[in-house]
Amino acid sequence: MRTKIYVSIVTVLLLITSCNVIDDLLTFSIDNQTTFKIESGFPLGTAFNVVTPDVTTNSSSTFENNNTKAELVKDVKLSELKLTITDPSNKSFSFLKSIHLYISTDANDEIELAYLDEINSTSNTINLTCTSQKLDKYIKASSYKIRTKAVIKESLTQDISVKSDMKFRVTADPF
């Protein structure tokens, strides 16, 4: 009787472990970038929106390079979103009170992608808090739009260019 219990426990543990190993083998990252400009002249404490040009995903070639295809992708989530000021190079994010980024496509509704509130950074790079939204249909699309909603807390005397580096974690089914 005891051996049956031990065999059952070992079998269950092997199944759980093998499923995790298979998921790890079928998980990869997609990195995308876009830039946007925060223009000078916005009133303090007022939220303003900036829409980026369409971001081309190249997802079909990325899926192919990872031995899968769009139909087999079962889970896409944002794992990292980093903003970097590219111009002027000596500017920090101290001017910013909060920032929220949203993703949309022509065929899909807009959802929140990442955010950061009460920003107190003296660096030219910040990491946003990623939401846990499923992003499969956005990454499978040929392109998507990013809308940025920001609130500034300091007057800006010149435009600020910001680069957004996004890393998506993709998991696909084996069949």
N, C-alpha and C. Protein backbone atom coordinates (compact mmCIF):
# COMPACT_ATOMS: atom_id res chain seq x y z
N MET A 1 0.82 -1.20 0.00
CA MET A 1 0.00 0.00 0.00
C MET A 1 0.87 1.26 0.00
N ARG A 2 1.91 1.25 0.83
CA ARG A 2 2.80 2.42 0.90
C ARG A 2 3.52 2.65 -0.43
N THR A 3 3.92 1.60 -1.09
CA THR A 3 4.61 1.77 -2.36
C THR A 3 3.70 2.40 -3.40
N LYS A 4 2.42 2.08 -3.39
CA LYS A 4 1.47 2.69 -4.33
C LYS A 4 1.37 4.19 -4.06
N ILE A 5 1.36 4.57 -2.81
CA ILE A 5 1.28 5.99 -2.45
C ILE A 5 2.55 6.70 -2.92
N TYR A 6 3.71 6.11 -2.66
CA TYR A 6 4.98 6.72 -3.08
C TYR A 6 5.07 6.83 -4.60
N VAL A 7 4.66 5.79 -5.30
CA VAL A 7 4.68 5.81 -6.76
C VAL A 7 3.73 6.89 -7.28
N SER A 8 2.57 7.02 -6.68
CA SER A 8 1.62 8.06 -7.09
C SER A 8 2.18 9.46 -6.87
N ILE A 9 2.81 9.68 -5.74
CA ILE A 9 3.40 10.99 -5.43
C ILE A 9 4.52 11.31 -6.41
N VAL A 10 5.38 10.35 -6.67
CA VAL A 10 6.49 10.56 -7.60
C VAL A 10 5.95 10.84 -9.01
N THR A 11 4.94 10.11 -9.43
CA THR A 11 4.35 10.31 -10.75
C THR A 11 3.77 11.72 -10.88
N VAL A 12 3.04 12.17 -9.88
CA VAL A 12 2.47 13.51 -9.91
C VAL A 12 3.58 14.56 -9.96
N LEU A 13 4.60 14.41 -9.17
CA LEU A 13 5.72 15.35 -9.17
C LEU A 13 6.43 15.39 -10.52
N LEU A 14 6.61 14.24 -11.14
CA LEU A 14 7.24 14.19 -12.46
C LEU A 14 6.38 14.89 -13.51
N LEU A 15 5.09 14.71 -13.45
CA LEU A 15 4.20 15.38 -14.40
C LEU A 15 4.25 16.90 -14.23
N ILE A 16 4.22 17.36 -13.00
CA ILE A 16 4.27 18.81 -12.76
C ILE A 16 5.60 19.38 -13.24
N THR A 17 6.68 18.71 -12.91
CA THR A 17 8.01 19.18 -13.31
C THR A 17 8.16 19.17 -14.83
N SER A 18 7.70 18.13 -15.48
CA SER A 18 7.86 18.05 -16.94
C SER A 18 7.02 19.12 -17.64
N CYS A 19 5.85 19.45 -17.11
CA CYS A 19 5.03 20.52 -17.70
C CYS A 19 5.74 21.86 -17.59
N ASN A 20 6.37 22.12 -16.45
CA ASN A 20 7.12 23.37 -16.28
C ASN A 20 8.32 23.43 -17.22
N VAL A 21 8.99 22.30 -17.42
CA VAL A 21 10.14 22.25 -18.33
C VAL A 21 9.68 22.51 -19.76
N ILE A 22 8.56 21.92 -20.16
CA ILE A 22 8.03 22.12 -21.51
C ILE A 22 7.65 23.59 -21.70
N ASP A 23 6.98 24.19 -20.70
CA ASP A 23 6.63 25.61 -20.80
C ASP A 23 7.88 26.47 -20.94
N ASP A 24 8.93 26.15 -20.19
CA ASP A 24 10.19 26.92 -20.30
C ASP A 24 10.79 26.79 -21.69
N LEU A 25 10.71 25.61 -22.28
CA LEU A 25 11.25 25.41 -23.62
C LEU A 25 10.45 26.17 -24.67
N LEU A 26 9.18 26.40 -24.41
CA LEU A 26 8.31 27.07 -25.37
C LEU A 26 8.07 28.53 -25.00
N THR A 27 8.93 29.09 -24.14
CA THR A 27 8.81 30.48 -23.73
C THR A 27 10.00 31.26 -24.26
N PHE A 28 9.70 32.43 -24.82
CA PHE A 28 10.76 33.29 -25.35
C PHE A 28 10.32 34.74 -25.21
N SER A 29 11.21 35.66 -25.54
CA SER A 29 10.92 37.09 -25.41
C SER A 29 10.84 37.77 -26.76
N ILE A 30 10.00 38.77 -26.83
CA ILE A 30 9.94 39.67 -27.99
C ILE A 30 10.26 41.06 -27.47
N ASP A 31 11.25 41.69 -28.06
CA ASP A 31 11.64 43.04 -27.67
C ASP A 31 11.19 44.02 -28.74
N ASN A 32 10.53 45.09 -28.31
CA ASN A 32 10.11 46.16 -29.22
C ASN A 32 10.50 47.50 -28.63
N GLN A 33 10.62 48.48 -29.51
CA GLN A 33 11.00 49.83 -29.11
C GLN A 33 10.12 50.85 -29.83
N THR A 34 9.91 51.95 -29.17
CA THR A 34 9.29 53.09 -29.81
C THR A 34 9.78 54.35 -29.11
N THR A 35 9.61 55.47 -29.75
CA THR A 35 9.99 56.74 -29.13
C THR A 35 8.80 57.69 -29.17
N PHE A 36 8.79 58.60 -28.22
CA PHE A 36 7.77 59.64 -28.21
C PHE A 36 8.39 60.91 -27.65
N LYS A 37 7.70 62.02 -27.89
CA LYS A 37 8.23 63.32 -27.48
C LYS A 37 7.26 63.97 -26.50
N ILE A 38 7.79 64.44 -25.38
CA ILE A 38 7.03 65.23 -24.43
C ILE A 38 7.37 66.68 -24.73
N GLU A 39 6.38 67.40 -25.22
CA GLU A 39 6.63 68.76 -25.69
C GLU A 39 6.58 69.76 -24.54
N SER A 40 7.40 70.78 -24.66
CA SER A 40 7.40 71.85 -23.65
C SER A 40 6.10 72.65 -23.78
N GLY A 41 5.77 73.36 -22.73
CA GLY A 41 4.60 74.22 -22.79
C GLY A 41 3.33 73.66 -22.18
N PHE A 42 3.35 72.41 -21.71
CA PHE A 42 2.16 71.88 -21.07
C PHE A 42 2.03 72.47 -19.67
N PRO A 43 0.81 72.78 -19.24
CA PRO A 43 0.61 73.32 -17.89
C PRO A 43 0.94 72.26 -16.83
N LEU A 44 1.46 72.69 -15.71
CA LEU A 44 1.80 71.78 -14.61
C LEU A 44 0.55 71.09 -14.08
N GLY A 45 0.70 69.83 -13.70
CA GLY A 45 -0.39 69.07 -13.11
C GLY A 45 -1.50 68.67 -14.07
N THR A 46 -1.34 68.95 -15.34
CA THR A 46 -2.36 68.60 -16.33
C THR A 46 -1.94 67.34 -17.09
N ALA A 47 -2.85 66.40 -17.21
CA ALA A 47 -2.55 65.18 -17.97
C ALA A 47 -2.60 65.50 -19.46
N PHE A 48 -1.65 64.95 -20.20
CA PHE A 48 -1.65 65.11 -21.65
C PHE A 48 -1.34 63.77 -22.28
N ASN A 49 -1.77 63.60 -23.53
CA ASN A 49 -1.60 62.34 -24.24
C ASN A 49 -0.63 62.50 -25.39
N VAL A 50 0.17 61.46 -25.61
CA VAL A 50 1.07 61.38 -26.76
C VAL A 50 0.85 60.01 -27.39
N VAL A 51 0.58 59.99 -28.69
CA VAL A 51 0.39 58.73 -29.40
C VAL A 51 1.61 58.49 -30.28
N THR A 52 2.17 57.30 -30.21
CA THR A 52 3.34 56.96 -31.03
C THR A 52 2.88 56.56 -32.42
N PRO A 53 3.79 56.63 -33.37
CA PRO A 53 3.48 56.00 -34.67
C PRO A 53 3.30 54.49 -34.44
N ASP A 54 2.66 53.82 -35.40
CA ASP A 54 2.47 52.37 -35.26
C ASP A 54 3.80 51.68 -35.00
N VAL A 55 3.78 50.72 -34.07
CA VAL A 55 4.95 49.90 -33.78
C VAL A 55 4.78 48.60 -34.54
N THR A 56 5.68 48.30 -35.45
CA THR A 56 5.62 47.06 -36.23
C THR A 56 6.12 45.92 -35.35
N THR A 57 5.35 44.84 -35.27
CA THR A 57 5.71 43.76 -34.36
C THR A 57 6.71 42.76 -34.94
N ASN A 58 6.66 42.50 -36.24
CA ASN A 58 7.48 41.43 -36.83
C ASN A 58 7.30 40.12 -36.08
N SER A 59 6.13 39.93 -35.50
CA SER A 59 5.90 38.77 -34.65
C SER A 59 5.95 37.46 -35.42
N SER A 60 5.45 37.43 -36.65
CA SER A 60 5.45 36.16 -37.38
C SER A 60 6.86 35.64 -37.59
N SER A 61 7.81 36.51 -37.91
CA SER A 61 9.19 36.05 -38.07
C SER A 61 9.80 35.68 -36.72
N THR A 62 9.43 36.39 -35.65
CA THR A 62 9.93 36.04 -34.32
C THR A 62 9.37 34.69 -33.89
N PHE A 63 8.09 34.45 -34.16
CA PHE A 63 7.50 33.15 -33.83
C PHE A 63 8.22 32.05 -34.60
N GLU A 64 8.46 32.28 -35.89
CA GLU A 64 9.14 31.29 -36.73
C GLU A 64 10.55 31.01 -36.21
N ASN A 65 11.27 32.05 -35.81
CA ASN A 65 12.62 31.88 -35.27
C ASN A 65 12.63 31.08 -33.97
N ASN A 66 11.49 31.04 -33.29
CA ASN A 66 11.37 30.28 -32.04
C ASN A 66 10.56 29.00 -32.24
N ASN A 67 10.51 28.54 -33.48
CA ASN A 67 9.87 27.27 -33.84
C ASN A 67 8.41 27.17 -33.42
N THR A 68 7.67 28.24 -33.65
CA THR A 68 6.23 28.22 -33.37
C THR A 68 5.53 29.11 -34.39
N LYS A 69 4.23 29.24 -34.26
CA LYS A 69 3.46 30.14 -35.12
C LYS A 69 2.36 30.80 -34.29
N ALA A 70 1.76 31.83 -34.82
CA ALA A 70 0.81 32.65 -34.07
C ALA A 70 -0.33 31.83 -33.46
N GLU A 71 -0.82 30.83 -34.19
CA GLU A 71 -1.93 30.02 -33.69
C GLU A 71 -1.57 29.26 -32.41
N LEU A 72 -0.28 29.01 -32.20
CA LEU A 72 0.15 28.24 -31.03
C LEU A 72 0.51 29.11 -29.83
N VAL A 73 0.56 30.40 -30.03
CA VAL A 73 0.88 31.30 -28.92
C VAL A 73 -0.32 31.34 -27.97
N LYS A 74 -0.07 31.02 -26.70
CA LYS A 74 -1.17 30.95 -25.74
C LYS A 74 -1.12 32.02 -24.66
N ASP A 75 0.03 32.65 -24.49
CA ASP A 75 0.12 33.63 -23.40
C ASP A 75 1.23 34.64 -23.70
N VAL A 76 0.85 35.91 -23.77
CA VAL A 76 1.83 36.99 -23.95
C VAL A 76 1.57 38.02 -22.86
N LYS A 77 2.61 38.35 -22.13
CA LYS A 77 2.52 39.37 -21.08
C LYS A 77 3.75 40.26 -21.15
N LEU A 78 3.56 41.49 -20.75
CA LEU A 78 4.68 42.42 -20.68
C LEU A 78 5.50 42.09 -19.44
N SER A 79 6.79 41.85 -19.62
CA SER A 79 7.64 41.54 -18.48
C SER A 79 8.50 42.72 -18.06
N GLU A 80 8.72 43.67 -18.97
CA GLU A 80 9.54 44.83 -18.62
C GLU A 80 9.23 45.98 -19.57
N LEU A 81 9.16 47.19 -19.00
CA LEU A 81 9.01 48.39 -19.81
C LEU A 81 9.91 49.46 -19.19
N LYS A 82 10.91 49.86 -19.94
CA LYS A 82 11.89 50.83 -19.46
C LYS A 82 11.84 52.07 -20.35
N LEU A 83 11.80 53.23 -19.72
CA LEU A 83 11.83 54.50 -20.44
C LEU A 83 13.18 55.16 -20.23
N THR A 84 13.74 55.71 -21.32
CA THR A 84 15.03 56.38 -21.28
C THR A 84 14.93 57.70 -22.02
N ILE A 85 15.37 58.78 -21.37
CA ILE A 85 15.41 60.07 -22.05
C ILE A 85 16.61 60.07 -22.98
N THR A 86 16.36 60.32 -24.26
CA THR A 86 17.44 60.33 -25.25
C THR A 86 17.88 61.74 -25.62
N ASP A 87 16.96 62.72 -25.44
CA ASP A 87 17.33 64.10 -25.76
C ASP A 87 16.46 65.05 -24.94
N PRO A 88 17.03 65.96 -24.19
CA PRO A 88 18.45 66.22 -23.99
C PRO A 88 19.07 65.15 -23.10
N SER A 89 20.30 64.81 -23.37
CA SER A 89 20.96 63.70 -22.69
C SER A 89 21.19 63.94 -21.20
N ASN A 90 21.20 65.19 -20.77
CA ASN A 90 21.46 65.49 -19.36
C ASN A 90 20.18 65.63 -18.53
N LYS A 91 19.01 65.38 -19.11
CA LYS A 91 17.73 65.54 -18.43
C LYS A 91 17.38 64.29 -17.65
N SER A 92 16.75 64.46 -16.48
CA SER A 92 16.28 63.33 -15.69
C SER A 92 14.75 63.33 -15.68
N PHE A 93 14.16 62.28 -15.12
CA PHE A 93 12.71 62.16 -15.06
C PHE A 93 12.12 62.92 -13.86
N SER A 94 12.90 63.79 -13.23
CA SER A 94 12.41 64.54 -12.07
C SER A 94 11.24 65.46 -12.43
N PHE A 95 11.06 65.80 -13.69
CA PHE A 95 9.97 66.68 -14.14
C PHE A 95 8.62 65.97 -14.17
N LEU A 96 8.63 64.65 -14.10
CA LEU A 96 7.44 63.85 -14.32
C LEU A 96 6.79 63.44 -13.00
N LYS A 97 5.48 63.62 -12.90
CA LYS A 97 4.75 63.20 -11.71
C LYS A 97 4.24 61.77 -11.87
N SER A 98 3.64 61.48 -13.03
CA SER A 98 3.13 60.13 -13.29
C SER A 98 3.10 59.88 -14.79
N ILE A 99 3.10 58.58 -15.14
CA ILE A 99 3.04 58.20 -16.55
C ILE A 99 2.33 56.86 -16.66
N HIS A 100 1.45 56.76 -17.64
CA HIS A 100 0.71 55.53 -17.92
C HIS A 100 0.80 55.27 -19.42
N LEU A 101 1.09 54.02 -19.81
CA LEU A 101 1.16 53.66 -21.23
C LEU A 101 0.05 52.66 -21.54
N TYR A 102 -0.58 52.85 -22.71
CA TYR A 102 -1.69 52.02 -23.15
C TYR A 102 -1.35 51.45 -24.53
N ILE A 103 -1.88 50.26 -24.82
CA ILE A 103 -1.65 49.61 -26.11
C ILE A 103 -3.00 49.38 -26.79
N SER A 104 -3.01 49.51 -28.13
CA SER A 104 -4.22 49.25 -28.90
C SER A 104 -3.84 48.87 -30.32
N THR A 105 -4.80 48.27 -31.01
CA THR A 105 -4.67 48.02 -32.45
C THR A 105 -5.96 48.51 -33.07
N ASP A 106 -6.01 48.53 -34.40
CA ASP A 106 -7.24 48.93 -35.07
C ASP A 106 -8.39 47.99 -34.74
N ALA A 107 -8.06 46.71 -34.49
CA ALA A 107 -9.10 45.71 -34.25
C ALA A 107 -9.36 45.44 -32.77
N ASN A 108 -8.51 45.97 -31.88
CA ASN A 108 -8.63 45.65 -30.45
C ASN A 108 -8.69 46.92 -29.60
N ASP A 109 -9.47 46.84 -28.54
CA ASP A 109 -9.62 47.97 -27.62
C ASP A 109 -8.31 48.31 -26.94
N GLU A 110 -8.23 49.53 -26.46
CA GLU A 110 -7.06 49.99 -25.74
C GLU A 110 -7.09 49.45 -24.30
N ILE A 111 -5.93 48.95 -23.84
CA ILE A 111 -5.79 48.51 -22.45
C ILE A 111 -4.50 49.08 -21.89
N GLU A 112 -4.46 49.19 -20.56
CA GLU A 112 -3.26 49.72 -19.92
C GLU A 112 -2.14 48.69 -19.97
N LEU A 113 -0.95 49.16 -20.32
CA LEU A 113 0.22 48.31 -20.47
C LEU A 113 1.14 48.40 -19.26
N ALA A 114 1.45 49.63 -18.82
CA ALA A 114 2.36 49.84 -17.69
C ALA A 114 2.16 51.25 -17.16
N TYR A 115 2.64 51.48 -15.93
CA TYR A 115 2.45 52.79 -15.31
C TYR A 115 3.50 53.02 -14.22
N LEU A 116 3.60 54.27 -13.81
CA LEU A 116 4.40 54.64 -12.65
C LEU A 116 3.84 55.95 -12.13
N ASP A 117 3.47 55.96 -10.85
CA ASP A 117 2.92 57.14 -10.21
C ASP A 117 3.91 57.66 -9.16
N GLU A 118 3.74 58.91 -8.78
CA GLU A 118 4.59 59.54 -7.76
C GLU A 118 6.08 59.32 -8.06
N ILE A 119 6.48 59.73 -9.24
CA ILE A 119 7.86 59.54 -9.70
C ILE A 119 8.79 60.52 -8.98
N ASN A 120 9.84 60.00 -8.39
CA ASN A 120 10.85 60.81 -7.72
C ASN A 120 12.23 60.37 -8.19
N SER A 121 12.44 60.36 -9.48
CA SER A 121 13.68 59.85 -10.04
C SER A 121 14.59 61.00 -10.47
N THR A 122 15.87 60.83 -10.18
CA THR A 122 16.87 61.79 -10.66
C THR A 122 17.72 61.15 -11.75
N SER A 123 17.21 60.08 -12.31
CA SER A 123 17.90 59.34 -13.37
C SER A 123 17.23 59.63 -14.71
N ASN A 124 17.94 59.31 -15.80
CA ASN A 124 17.34 59.48 -17.12
C ASN A 124 16.67 58.18 -17.59
N THR A 125 16.58 57.19 -16.69
CA THR A 125 15.94 55.90 -16.99
C THR A 125 15.01 55.53 -15.84
N ILE A 126 13.81 55.07 -16.18
CA ILE A 126 12.89 54.54 -15.16
C ILE A 126 12.26 53.26 -15.68
N ASN A 127 11.96 52.35 -14.75
CA ASN A 127 11.24 51.12 -15.07
C ASN A 127 9.81 51.26 -14.58
N LEU A 128 8.86 51.00 -15.46
CA LEU A 128 7.46 51.11 -15.11
C LEU A 128 6.95 49.80 -14.54
N THR A 129 5.83 49.88 -13.82
CA THR A 129 5.16 48.71 -13.29
C THR A 129 4.28 48.14 -14.41
N CYS A 130 4.51 46.89 -14.76
CA CYS A 130 3.76 46.24 -15.84
C CYS A 130 2.44 45.71 -15.30
N THR A 131 1.39 45.83 -16.10
CA THR A 131 0.11 45.23 -15.73
C THR A 131 0.17 43.74 -16.09
N SER A 132 -0.80 42.99 -15.63
CA SER A 132 -0.82 41.55 -15.92
C SER A 132 -1.76 41.21 -17.07
N GLN A 133 -2.06 42.19 -17.91
CA GLN A 133 -2.97 41.99 -19.03
C GLN A 133 -2.42 40.96 -20.03
N LYS A 134 -3.34 40.16 -20.60
CA LYS A 134 -2.96 39.24 -21.68
C LYS A 134 -2.85 40.05 -22.97
N LEU A 135 -1.74 39.93 -23.65
CA LEU A 135 -1.46 40.77 -24.81
C LEU A 135 -1.35 39.97 -26.11
N ASP A 136 -1.86 38.76 -26.13
CA ASP A 136 -1.73 37.88 -27.29
C ASP A 136 -2.18 38.56 -28.59
N LYS A 137 -3.40 39.10 -28.60
CA LYS A 137 -3.95 39.66 -29.83
C LYS A 137 -3.21 40.91 -30.28
N TYR A 138 -2.56 41.61 -29.37
CA TYR A 138 -1.81 42.82 -29.74
C TYR A 138 -0.47 42.46 -30.38
N ILE A 139 0.20 41.45 -29.83
CA ILE A 139 1.50 41.02 -30.35
C ILE A 139 1.33 40.22 -31.64
N LYS A 140 0.24 39.52 -31.79
CA LYS A 140 -0.01 38.77 -33.03
C LYS A 140 -0.36 39.69 -34.19
N ALA A 141 -0.82 40.89 -33.89
CA ALA A 141 -1.17 41.85 -34.94
C ALA A 141 0.10 42.32 -35.65
N SER A 142 -0.05 42.85 -36.85
CA SER A 142 1.13 43.31 -37.59
C SER A 142 1.73 44.57 -36.98
N SER A 143 0.89 45.36 -36.29
CA SER A 143 1.40 46.55 -35.61
C SER A 143 0.42 46.95 -34.51
N TYR A 144 0.89 47.80 -33.61
CA TYR A 144 0.05 48.32 -32.54
C TYR A 144 0.45 49.76 -32.26
N LYS A 145 -0.40 50.45 -31.51
CA LYS A 145 -0.14 51.83 -31.12
C LYS A 145 0.10 51.88 -29.61
N ILE A 146 0.95 52.78 -29.20
CA ILE A 146 1.17 53.05 -27.78
C ILE A 146 0.72 54.49 -27.53
N ARG A 147 -0.16 54.65 -26.55
CA ARG A 147 -0.57 55.99 -26.13
C ARG A 147 -0.01 56.23 -24.75
N THR A 148 0.60 57.38 -24.58
CA THR A 148 1.20 57.75 -23.30
C THR A 148 0.39 58.88 -22.68
N LYS A 149 0.03 58.68 -21.42
CA LYS A 149 -0.66 59.72 -20.66
C LYS A 149 0.27 60.10 -19.52
N ALA A 150 0.68 61.36 -19.49
CA ALA A 150 1.65 61.81 -18.49
C ALA A 150 1.18 63.07 -17.80
N VAL A 151 1.64 63.25 -16.56
CA VAL A 151 1.40 64.47 -15.79
C VAL A 151 2.77 64.99 -15.39
N ILE A 152 3.04 66.27 -15.70
CA ILE A 152 4.34 66.85 -15.34
C ILE A 152 4.20 67.70 -14.08
N LYS A 153 5.32 67.80 -13.35
CA LYS A 153 5.31 68.59 -12.11
C LYS A 153 6.31 69.75 -12.15
N GLU A 154 7.07 69.87 -13.23
CA GLU A 154 8.01 70.98 -13.42
C GLU A 154 7.81 71.56 -14.81
N SER A 155 8.03 72.84 -14.95
CA SER A 155 7.94 73.47 -16.27
C SER A 155 9.04 72.94 -17.18
N LEU A 156 8.67 72.70 -18.43
CA LEU A 156 9.65 72.24 -19.42
C LEU A 156 9.97 73.39 -20.36
N THR A 157 11.27 73.64 -20.52
CA THR A 157 11.70 74.72 -21.42
C THR A 157 12.05 74.19 -22.79
N GLN A 158 12.17 72.86 -22.93
CA GLN A 158 12.45 72.26 -24.22
C GLN A 158 11.78 70.89 -24.31
N ASP A 159 11.56 70.43 -25.55
CA ASP A 159 10.97 69.12 -25.78
C ASP A 159 11.90 68.03 -25.27
N ILE A 160 11.30 66.92 -24.82
CA ILE A 160 12.08 65.79 -24.31
C ILE A 160 11.73 64.56 -25.13
N SER A 161 12.74 63.91 -25.70
CA SER A 161 12.54 62.66 -26.45
C SER A 161 12.77 61.48 -25.52
N VAL A 162 11.84 60.53 -25.55
CA VAL A 162 11.88 59.38 -24.66
C VAL A 162 11.81 58.10 -25.50
N LYS A 163 12.71 57.16 -25.20
CA LYS A 163 12.69 55.84 -25.86
C LYS A 163 12.05 54.85 -24.90
N SER A 164 11.15 54.05 -25.43
CA SER A 164 10.46 53.03 -24.66
C SER A 164 10.94 51.66 -25.11
N ASP A 165 11.56 50.90 -24.20
CA ASP A 165 12.00 49.53 -24.48
C ASP A 165 11.03 48.57 -23.80
N MET A 166 10.36 47.74 -24.61
CA MET A 166 9.36 46.81 -24.09
C MET A 166 9.84 45.37 -24.31
N LYS A 167 9.68 44.57 -23.28
CA LYS A 167 10.02 43.15 -23.39
C LYS A 167 8.77 42.34 -23.04
N PHE A 168 8.33 41.53 -24.02
CA PHE A 168 7.14 40.70 -23.86
C PHE A 168 7.58 39.26 -23.66
N ARG A 169 6.95 38.58 -22.71
CA ARG A 169 7.21 37.16 -22.46
C ARG A 169 6.13 36.36 -23.19
N VAL A 170 6.55 35.49 -24.09
CA VAL A 170 5.63 34.73 -24.95
C VAL A 170 5.75 33.25 -24.61
N THR A 171 4.60 32.60 -24.40
CA THR A 171 4.57 31.15 -24.21
C THR A 171 3.66 30.57 -25.28
N ALA A 172 4.15 29.50 -25.92
CA ALA A 172 3.40 28.86 -26.99
C ALA A 172 3.08 27.41 -26.62
N ASP A 173 2.04 26.88 -27.23
CA ASP A 173 1.70 25.46 -27.08
C ASP A 173 2.62 24.64 -27.98
N PRO A 174 2.92 23.40 -27.61
CA PRO A 174 3.81 22.59 -28.45
C PRO A 174 3.14 22.12 -29.74
N PHE A 175 1.82 22.02 -29.79
CA PHE A 175 1.14 21.51 -30.98
C PHE A 175 0.04 22.43 -31.40
